[in-house]
Amino acid sequence: MSDCMNMRKCGSQGVKHEDIKDYYGKQLKKTSDLKSNACVAPAKPCPAFIRKALQNVHPEVTAKYYGCGLVVPECLEGCCVLDLGSGSGQDCYMLSQLVGENGHITGIDMTKEQLTVARKYIDYHTEKFGFKKSNVDFVEGYIEALGEAGLTENTYDIIM
């Protein structure tokens, strides 16, 4: 099997997981450190319900957001959502509010440093949202190996 056939060793163009972990976990300290212009501003502003939910996310989580945005369906109340490449947890915490206390969000990421930030604010967001218990958890693992990360098939209503 060639190295690039083994998804643990490399992704597109021979970039290894370790390189990606280093970039997102050690090199980047804040959103403005990104060395890519792949993400562009949306043609339309985010819907008000998303902007409102994002205002409740802890500033450190938002400062370490390296994503390109998120398409969020309406009517998520009670849903179980899996966020692939959850990073510092910004989208998870925004979605946490939208699924409500009876829904659940699982974020999976391969970057320990990002997960450390995400997990650090679980209690903060639980209290901020007025929930009795957290509806968010974060799992370390690879998005192409969900089963190896302990995630079960047919558990989630929506995967983002």
N, C-alpha and C. Protein backbone atom coordinates (compact mmCIF):
# COMPACT_ATOMS: atom_id res chain seq x y z
N MET A 1 0.85 -1.17 0.00
CA MET A 1 0.00 0.00 0.00
C MET A 1 0.89 1.24 0.00
N SER A 2 0.65 2.17 -0.90
CA SER A 2 1.45 3.39 -0.93
C SER A 2 1.13 4.24 0.29
N ASP A 3 2.05 5.15 0.64
CA ASP A 3 1.83 6.02 1.79
C ASP A 3 0.54 6.81 1.67
N CYS A 4 0.22 7.28 0.47
CA CYS A 4 -0.98 8.10 0.33
C CYS A 4 -2.25 7.28 0.26
N MET A 5 -2.13 5.97 0.17
CA MET A 5 -3.32 5.13 0.28
C MET A 5 -3.69 4.96 1.75
N ASN A 6 -2.74 5.15 2.62
CA ASN A 6 -2.98 5.06 4.05
C ASN A 6 -3.35 6.44 4.56
N MET A 7 -4.62 6.67 4.83
CA MET A 7 -5.11 8.00 5.19
C MET A 7 -4.54 8.49 6.51
N ARG A 8 -3.97 7.61 7.34
CA ARG A 8 -3.37 8.05 8.59
C ARG A 8 -2.09 8.82 8.32
N LYS A 9 -1.43 8.48 7.21
CA LYS A 9 -0.12 9.08 6.94
C LYS A 9 -0.21 10.36 6.15
N CYS A 10 -1.14 10.46 5.22
CA CYS A 10 -1.19 11.70 4.47
C CYS A 10 -2.56 11.94 3.87
N GLY A 11 -2.84 13.19 3.66
CA GLY A 11 -4.07 13.61 3.03
C GLY A 11 -3.76 14.08 1.63
N SER A 12 -4.41 15.13 1.20
CA SER A 12 -4.19 15.63 -0.15
C SER A 12 -2.78 16.17 -0.30
N GLN A 13 -2.19 15.92 -1.45
CA GLN A 13 -0.88 16.42 -1.83
C GLN A 13 0.21 16.03 -0.84
N GLY A 14 0.06 14.89 -0.20
CA GLY A 14 1.12 14.39 0.68
C GLY A 14 1.25 15.08 2.02
N VAL A 15 0.31 15.91 2.40
CA VAL A 15 0.37 16.57 3.70
C VAL A 15 -0.01 15.54 4.76
N LYS A 16 0.82 15.39 5.75
CA LYS A 16 0.60 14.40 6.79
C LYS A 16 -0.26 14.97 7.92
N HIS A 17 -0.95 14.06 8.60
CA HIS A 17 -1.75 14.47 9.75
C HIS A 17 -0.90 15.26 10.75
N GLU A 18 0.33 14.83 10.96
CA GLU A 18 1.19 15.53 11.92
C GLU A 18 1.44 16.98 11.51
N ASP A 19 1.56 17.22 10.20
CA ASP A 19 1.75 18.59 9.71
C ASP A 19 0.52 19.44 10.00
N ILE A 20 -0.64 18.85 9.78
CA ILE A 20 -1.90 19.57 10.02
C ILE A 20 -2.07 19.85 11.51
N LYS A 21 -1.78 18.86 12.33
CA LYS A 21 -1.87 19.05 13.78
C LYS A 21 -0.94 20.17 14.24
N ASP A 22 0.27 20.19 13.69
CA ASP A 22 1.23 21.22 14.05
C ASP A 22 0.73 22.60 13.65
N TYR A 23 0.20 22.71 12.44
CA TYR A 23 -0.29 23.99 11.94
C TYR A 23 -1.44 24.52 12.80
N TYR A 24 -2.46 23.71 13.00
CA TYR A 24 -3.64 24.15 13.75
C TYR A 24 -3.43 24.16 15.26
N GLY A 25 -2.52 23.32 15.74
CA GLY A 25 -2.32 23.21 17.18
C GLY A 25 -1.21 24.06 17.74
N LYS A 26 -0.17 24.29 16.94
CA LYS A 26 0.99 25.00 17.47
C LYS A 26 1.29 26.32 16.76
N GLN A 27 1.18 26.33 15.43
CA GLN A 27 1.52 27.55 14.69
C GLN A 27 0.45 28.63 14.82
N LEU A 28 -0.81 28.25 14.65
CA LEU A 28 -1.89 29.24 14.72
C LEU A 28 -2.21 29.56 16.17
N LYS A 29 -2.33 30.82 16.47
CA LYS A 29 -2.71 31.27 17.82
C LYS A 29 -4.04 32.01 17.81
N LYS A 30 -4.40 32.57 16.65
CA LYS A 30 -5.67 33.30 16.51
C LYS A 30 -6.09 33.26 15.04
N THR A 31 -7.33 33.57 14.78
CA THR A 31 -7.90 33.49 13.44
C THR A 31 -7.06 34.25 12.41
N SER A 32 -6.56 35.40 12.77
CA SER A 32 -5.82 36.23 11.81
C SER A 32 -4.47 35.62 11.41
N ASP A 33 -4.03 34.56 12.09
CA ASP A 33 -2.78 33.88 11.74
C ASP A 33 -2.92 32.94 10.55
N LEU A 34 -4.14 32.67 10.12
CA LEU A 34 -4.36 31.75 9.00
C LEU A 34 -3.57 32.20 7.77
N LYS A 35 -2.94 31.26 7.10
CA LYS A 35 -2.13 31.56 5.92
C LYS A 35 -2.85 31.07 4.67
N SER A 36 -4.12 31.37 4.57
CA SER A 36 -4.92 30.90 3.45
C SER A 36 -5.98 31.95 3.13
N ASN A 37 -6.30 32.06 1.86
CA ASN A 37 -7.42 32.92 1.47
C ASN A 37 -8.54 32.06 0.89
N ALA A 38 -8.56 30.79 1.29
CA ALA A 38 -9.56 29.85 0.78
C ALA A 38 -10.96 30.22 1.24
N CYS A 39 -11.08 30.86 2.36
CA CYS A 39 -12.38 31.23 2.89
C CYS A 39 -12.71 32.65 2.46
N VAL A 40 -13.89 32.82 1.94
CA VAL A 40 -14.32 34.15 1.51
C VAL A 40 -15.58 34.54 2.26
N ALA A 41 -15.84 35.81 2.31
CA ALA A 41 -17.04 36.30 2.99
C ALA A 41 -18.28 35.78 2.28
N PRO A 42 -19.31 35.41 3.04
CA PRO A 42 -20.52 34.91 2.41
C PRO A 42 -21.22 35.99 1.60
N ALA A 43 -21.95 35.57 0.58
CA ALA A 43 -22.69 36.52 -0.26
C ALA A 43 -23.80 37.19 0.53
N LYS A 44 -24.37 36.47 1.48
CA LYS A 44 -25.42 37.00 2.34
C LYS A 44 -24.93 36.96 3.78
N PRO A 45 -25.38 37.91 4.60
CA PRO A 45 -24.99 37.85 6.01
C PRO A 45 -25.60 36.61 6.69
N CYS A 46 -24.97 36.17 7.76
CA CYS A 46 -25.51 35.05 8.53
C CYS A 46 -26.91 35.40 9.01
N PRO A 47 -27.78 34.42 9.09
CA PRO A 47 -29.11 34.68 9.64
C PRO A 47 -29.01 35.16 11.09
N ALA A 48 -29.98 35.92 11.52
CA ALA A 48 -29.97 36.51 12.86
C ALA A 48 -29.87 35.46 13.96
N PHE A 49 -30.52 34.31 13.80
CA PHE A 49 -30.48 33.30 14.85
C PHE A 49 -29.07 32.74 15.03
N ILE A 50 -28.28 32.70 13.96
CA ILE A 50 -26.89 32.23 14.07
C ILE A 50 -26.03 33.32 14.70
N ARG A 51 -26.19 34.56 14.27
CA ARG A 51 -25.41 35.67 14.85
C ARG A 51 -25.68 35.77 16.35
N LYS A 52 -26.93 35.61 16.75
CA LYS A 52 -27.28 35.69 18.17
C LYS A 52 -26.61 34.56 18.95
N ALA A 53 -26.65 33.35 18.41
CA ALA A 53 -26.03 32.21 19.09
C ALA A 53 -24.52 32.38 19.19
N LEU A 54 -23.88 32.92 18.15
CA LEU A 54 -22.43 33.12 18.16
C LEU A 54 -22.00 34.14 19.21
N GLN A 55 -22.86 35.09 19.53
CA GLN A 55 -22.53 36.11 20.53
C GLN A 55 -22.34 35.49 21.91
N ASN A 56 -22.90 34.31 22.14
CA ASN A 56 -22.79 33.65 23.44
C ASN A 56 -21.58 32.74 23.57
N VAL A 57 -20.79 32.63 22.52
CA VAL A 57 -19.62 31.74 22.55
C VAL A 57 -18.44 32.49 23.17
N HIS A 58 -17.72 31.81 24.05
CA HIS A 58 -16.60 32.42 24.77
C HIS A 58 -15.59 33.02 23.78
N PRO A 59 -15.05 34.21 24.09
CA PRO A 59 -14.10 34.88 23.18
C PRO A 59 -12.86 34.07 22.83
N GLU A 60 -12.32 33.27 23.75
CA GLU A 60 -11.12 32.48 23.41
C GLU A 60 -11.47 31.42 22.37
N VAL A 61 -12.65 30.84 22.47
CA VAL A 61 -13.09 29.84 21.49
C VAL A 61 -13.22 30.50 20.12
N THR A 62 -13.83 31.67 20.08
CA THR A 62 -14.01 32.41 18.83
C THR A 62 -12.67 32.85 18.24
N ALA A 63 -11.75 33.26 19.09
CA ALA A 63 -10.43 33.73 18.62
C ALA A 63 -9.65 32.61 17.94
N LYS A 64 -9.92 31.38 18.30
CA LYS A 64 -9.21 30.24 17.71
C LYS A 64 -10.06 29.52 16.67
N TYR A 65 -11.02 30.21 16.10
CA TYR A 65 -11.87 29.63 15.05
C TYR A 65 -11.13 29.74 13.73
N TYR A 66 -10.90 28.59 13.07
CA TYR A 66 -10.15 28.56 11.82
C TYR A 66 -10.99 28.00 10.67
N GLY A 67 -12.29 27.97 10.85
CA GLY A 67 -13.17 27.43 9.82
C GLY A 67 -13.54 28.46 8.77
N CYS A 68 -14.31 28.00 7.81
CA CYS A 68 -14.74 28.86 6.70
C CYS A 68 -16.21 29.20 6.77
N GLY A 69 -16.83 28.95 7.88
CA GLY A 69 -18.26 29.19 8.00
C GLY A 69 -19.00 27.88 8.08
N LEU A 70 -20.29 27.98 8.20
CA LEU A 70 -21.09 26.80 8.44
C LEU A 70 -22.49 27.01 7.89
N VAL A 71 -22.99 26.03 7.19
CA VAL A 71 -24.37 26.06 6.75
C VAL A 71 -25.19 25.40 7.85
N VAL A 72 -26.14 26.12 8.41
CA VAL A 72 -26.91 25.62 9.54
C VAL A 72 -28.39 25.52 9.16
N PRO A 73 -28.93 24.33 9.20
CA PRO A 73 -30.37 24.21 8.93
C PRO A 73 -31.17 24.77 10.09
N GLU A 74 -32.38 25.16 9.82
CA GLU A 74 -33.27 25.61 10.88
C GLU A 74 -33.89 24.39 11.54
N CYS A 75 -34.57 24.60 12.63
CA CYS A 75 -35.32 23.54 13.33
C CYS A 75 -34.43 22.40 13.79
N LEU A 76 -33.40 22.72 14.53
CA LEU A 76 -32.49 21.70 15.04
C LEU A 76 -32.86 21.20 16.44
N GLU A 77 -33.86 21.78 17.04
CA GLU A 77 -34.26 21.44 18.41
C GLU A 77 -34.34 19.92 18.59
N GLY A 78 -33.61 19.42 19.58
CA GLY A 78 -33.64 18.00 19.92
C GLY A 78 -32.77 17.10 19.06
N CYS A 79 -32.10 17.64 18.08
CA CYS A 79 -31.27 16.82 17.18
C CYS A 79 -29.94 16.44 17.80
N CYS A 80 -29.36 15.36 17.31
CA CYS A 80 -27.99 14.96 17.63
C CYS A 80 -27.15 15.30 16.41
N VAL A 81 -26.11 16.11 16.63
CA VAL A 81 -25.30 16.63 15.53
C VAL A 81 -23.84 16.24 15.76
N LEU A 82 -23.18 15.83 14.68
CA LEU A 82 -21.75 15.55 14.69
C LEU A 82 -21.06 16.63 13.88
N ASP A 83 -20.09 17.31 14.50
CA ASP A 83 -19.32 18.35 13.82
C ASP A 83 -17.93 17.80 13.49
N LEU A 84 -17.67 17.62 12.21
CA LEU A 84 -16.39 17.09 11.75
C LEU A 84 -15.34 18.20 11.71
N GLY A 85 -14.21 18.00 12.34
CA GLY A 85 -13.17 19.03 12.38
C GLY A 85 -13.61 20.19 13.25
N SER A 86 -14.03 19.89 14.46
CA SER A 86 -14.67 20.88 15.35
C SER A 86 -13.72 21.93 15.89
N GLY A 87 -12.42 21.69 15.85
CA GLY A 87 -11.46 22.70 16.30
C GLY A 87 -11.70 23.15 17.72
N SER A 88 -11.72 24.46 17.94
CA SER A 88 -11.88 25.03 19.27
C SER A 88 -13.31 24.97 19.78
N GLY A 89 -14.23 24.51 18.95
CA GLY A 89 -15.60 24.29 19.41
C GLY A 89 -16.61 25.38 19.10
N GLN A 90 -16.22 26.41 18.35
CA GLN A 90 -17.16 27.51 18.12
C GLN A 90 -18.47 27.02 17.52
N ASP A 91 -18.40 26.25 16.45
CA ASP A 91 -19.63 25.78 15.82
C ASP A 91 -20.41 24.86 16.75
N CYS A 92 -19.72 24.04 17.52
CA CYS A 92 -20.39 23.15 18.47
C CYS A 92 -21.19 23.94 19.51
N TYR A 93 -20.58 24.99 20.04
CA TYR A 93 -21.27 25.78 21.05
C TYR A 93 -22.42 26.58 20.46
N MET A 94 -22.26 27.06 19.24
CA MET A 94 -23.37 27.73 18.57
C MET A 94 -24.50 26.75 18.34
N LEU A 95 -24.17 25.56 17.83
CA LEU A 95 -25.19 24.53 17.58
C LEU A 95 -25.82 24.02 18.87
N SER A 96 -25.06 24.00 19.95
CA SER A 96 -25.56 23.56 21.24
C SER A 96 -26.81 24.33 21.64
N GLN A 97 -26.78 25.62 21.38
CA GLN A 97 -27.94 26.46 21.70
C GLN A 97 -29.14 26.12 20.82
N LEU A 98 -28.86 25.79 19.56
CA LEU A 98 -29.93 25.54 18.59
C LEU A 98 -30.59 24.18 18.79
N VAL A 99 -29.82 23.17 19.24
CA VAL A 99 -30.43 21.86 19.49
C VAL A 99 -31.12 21.84 20.84
N GLY A 100 -30.74 22.76 21.72
CA GLY A 100 -31.35 22.84 23.04
C GLY A 100 -30.85 21.77 23.98
N GLU A 101 -31.38 21.83 25.18
CA GLU A 101 -30.91 20.94 26.24
C GLU A 101 -31.22 19.46 25.96
N ASN A 102 -32.21 19.18 25.13
CA ASN A 102 -32.55 17.80 24.82
C ASN A 102 -31.83 17.27 23.58
N GLY A 103 -31.09 18.11 22.90
CA GLY A 103 -30.27 17.68 21.77
C GLY A 103 -28.86 17.41 22.24
N HIS A 104 -28.00 17.05 21.31
CA HIS A 104 -26.60 16.80 21.67
C HIS A 104 -25.68 17.12 20.49
N ILE A 105 -24.51 17.66 20.82
CA ILE A 105 -23.48 17.97 19.83
C ILE A 105 -22.22 17.19 20.19
N THR A 106 -21.66 16.51 19.22
CA THR A 106 -20.36 15.88 19.38
C THR A 106 -19.43 16.51 18.35
N GLY A 107 -18.31 17.01 18.83
CA GLY A 107 -17.28 17.54 17.95
C GLY A 107 -16.12 16.57 17.91
N ILE A 108 -15.59 16.32 16.72
CA ILE A 108 -14.40 15.47 16.59
C ILE A 108 -13.31 16.27 15.88
N ASP A 109 -12.11 16.19 16.43
CA ASP A 109 -10.96 16.88 15.85
C ASP A 109 -9.71 16.07 16.19
N MET A 110 -8.68 16.21 15.36
CA MET A 110 -7.44 15.47 15.60
C MET A 110 -6.40 16.32 16.32
N THR A 111 -6.71 17.57 16.62
CA THR A 111 -5.73 18.50 17.18
C THR A 111 -5.94 18.67 18.68
N LYS A 112 -5.04 18.12 19.48
CA LYS A 112 -5.15 18.16 20.94
C LYS A 112 -5.29 19.59 21.47
N GLU A 113 -4.49 20.50 20.92
CA GLU A 113 -4.51 21.88 21.42
C GLU A 113 -5.87 22.53 21.20
N GLN A 114 -6.47 22.28 20.06
CA GLN A 114 -7.80 22.82 19.77
C GLN A 114 -8.84 22.21 20.72
N LEU A 115 -8.75 20.91 20.92
CA LEU A 115 -9.69 20.23 21.82
C LEU A 115 -9.53 20.70 23.26
N THR A 116 -8.32 21.03 23.65
CA THR A 116 -8.09 21.55 25.00
C THR A 116 -8.88 22.85 25.20
N VAL A 117 -8.82 23.73 24.21
CA VAL A 117 -9.59 24.99 24.29
C VAL A 117 -11.09 24.67 24.32
N ALA A 118 -11.54 23.81 23.44
CA ALA A 118 -12.97 23.47 23.37
C ALA A 118 -13.48 22.91 24.70
N ARG A 119 -12.75 21.96 25.24
CA ARG A 119 -13.18 21.31 26.49
C ARG A 119 -13.11 22.25 27.69
N LYS A 120 -12.19 23.18 27.65
CA LYS A 120 -12.01 24.13 28.76
C LYS A 120 -13.29 24.93 29.04
N TYR A 121 -14.12 25.11 28.02
CA TYR A 121 -15.29 25.98 28.17
C TYR A 121 -16.63 25.25 28.17
N ILE A 122 -16.61 23.93 28.37
CA ILE A 122 -17.87 23.18 28.43
C ILE A 122 -18.74 23.71 29.57
N ASP A 123 -18.20 23.81 30.78
CA ASP A 123 -18.99 24.28 31.92
C ASP A 123 -19.43 25.73 31.73
N TYR A 124 -18.55 26.56 31.19
CA TYR A 124 -18.89 27.96 30.92
C TYR A 124 -20.14 28.05 30.04
N HIS A 125 -20.16 27.30 28.95
CA HIS A 125 -21.28 27.38 28.02
C HIS A 125 -22.55 26.72 28.59
N THR A 126 -22.39 25.65 29.33
CA THR A 126 -23.55 25.01 29.96
C THR A 126 -24.27 26.02 30.84
N GLU A 127 -23.50 26.73 31.65
CA GLU A 127 -24.09 27.75 32.53
C GLU A 127 -24.64 28.93 31.73
N LYS A 128 -23.89 29.41 30.75
CA LYS A 128 -24.29 30.55 29.92
C LYS A 128 -25.62 30.28 29.22
N PHE A 129 -25.82 29.03 28.77
CA PHE A 129 -27.03 28.68 28.05
C PHE A 129 -28.17 28.30 28.99
N GLY A 130 -27.90 28.24 30.30
CA GLY A 130 -28.94 27.90 31.27
C GLY A 130 -29.33 26.43 31.27
N PHE A 131 -28.40 25.56 30.84
CA PHE A 131 -28.68 24.13 30.80
C PHE A 131 -28.31 23.49 32.14
N LYS A 132 -29.03 22.46 32.54
CA LYS A 132 -28.72 21.72 33.76
C LYS A 132 -27.47 20.87 33.59
N LYS A 133 -27.28 20.33 32.38
CA LYS A 133 -26.09 19.54 32.08
C LYS A 133 -25.65 19.85 30.66
N SER A 134 -24.39 19.60 30.40
CA SER A 134 -23.84 19.89 29.07
C SER A 134 -24.48 18.99 28.02
N ASN A 135 -24.66 19.55 26.84
CA ASN A 135 -25.13 18.76 25.70
C ASN A 135 -24.05 18.70 24.62
N VAL A 136 -22.80 18.92 25.03
CA VAL A 136 -21.67 18.94 24.09
C VAL A 136 -20.57 18.02 24.62
N ASP A 137 -19.95 17.28 23.71
CA ASP A 137 -18.71 16.58 24.06
C ASP A 137 -17.77 16.64 22.87
N PHE A 138 -16.50 16.47 23.17
CA PHE A 138 -15.45 16.55 22.15
C PHE A 138 -14.63 15.28 22.18
N VAL A 139 -14.37 14.75 20.97
CA VAL A 139 -13.66 13.49 20.81
C VAL A 139 -12.41 13.74 19.97
N GLU A 140 -11.30 13.16 20.40
CA GLU A 140 -10.09 13.24 19.60
C GLU A 140 -10.08 12.09 18.61
N GLY A 141 -9.89 12.41 17.35
CA GLY A 141 -9.84 11.37 16.34
C GLY A 141 -9.83 11.95 14.94
N TYR A 142 -9.80 11.06 13.98
CA TYR A 142 -9.74 11.43 12.57
C TYR A 142 -11.13 11.31 11.95
N ILE A 143 -11.50 12.29 11.14
CA ILE A 143 -12.85 12.29 10.57
C ILE A 143 -13.05 11.15 9.58
N GLU A 144 -11.97 10.59 9.07
CA GLU A 144 -12.11 9.46 8.16
C GLU A 144 -12.09 8.13 8.91
N ALA A 145 -12.05 8.17 10.23
CA ALA A 145 -12.03 6.95 11.05
C ALA A 145 -12.91 7.14 12.28
N LEU A 146 -14.16 7.45 12.06
CA LEU A 146 -15.08 7.76 13.16
C LEU A 146 -15.26 6.58 14.12
N GLY A 147 -15.35 5.39 13.58
CA GLY A 147 -15.50 4.21 14.42
C GLY A 147 -14.33 4.01 15.35
N GLU A 148 -13.13 4.26 14.86
CA GLU A 148 -11.92 4.12 15.69
C GLU A 148 -11.90 5.16 16.81
N ALA A 149 -12.62 6.26 16.61
CA ALA A 149 -12.70 7.30 17.64
C ALA A 149 -13.81 7.00 18.65
N GLY A 150 -14.50 5.88 18.44
CA GLY A 150 -15.56 5.49 19.37
C GLY A 150 -16.94 6.00 19.01
N LEU A 151 -17.08 6.60 17.82
CA LEU A 151 -18.39 7.11 17.40
C LEU A 151 -19.15 6.00 16.68
N THR A 152 -20.42 5.89 16.99
CA THR A 152 -21.25 4.81 16.48
C THR A 152 -22.05 5.25 15.26
N GLU A 153 -22.15 4.36 14.28
CA GLU A 153 -22.95 4.65 13.09
C GLU A 153 -24.42 4.85 13.47
N ASN A 154 -25.11 5.63 12.66
CA ASN A 154 -26.55 5.86 12.79
C ASN A 154 -26.94 6.45 14.15
N THR A 155 -26.04 7.25 14.71
CA THR A 155 -26.29 7.91 15.99
C THR A 155 -26.73 9.36 15.80
N TYR A 156 -26.33 9.97 14.68
CA TYR A 156 -26.50 11.40 14.49
C TYR A 156 -27.58 11.70 13.46
N ASP A 157 -28.35 12.75 13.76
CA ASP A 157 -29.36 13.22 12.82
C ASP A 157 -28.73 14.03 11.69
N ILE A 158 -27.69 14.78 12.05
CA ILE A 158 -27.03 15.67 11.07
C ILE A 158 -25.53 15.59 11.30
N ILE A 159 -24.79 15.54 10.19
CA ILE A 159 -23.32 15.58 10.25
C ILE A 159 -22.87 16.81 9.48
N MET A 160 -22.06 17.63 10.13
CA MET A 160 -21.59 18.87 9.52
C MET A 160 -20.09 18.87 9.41
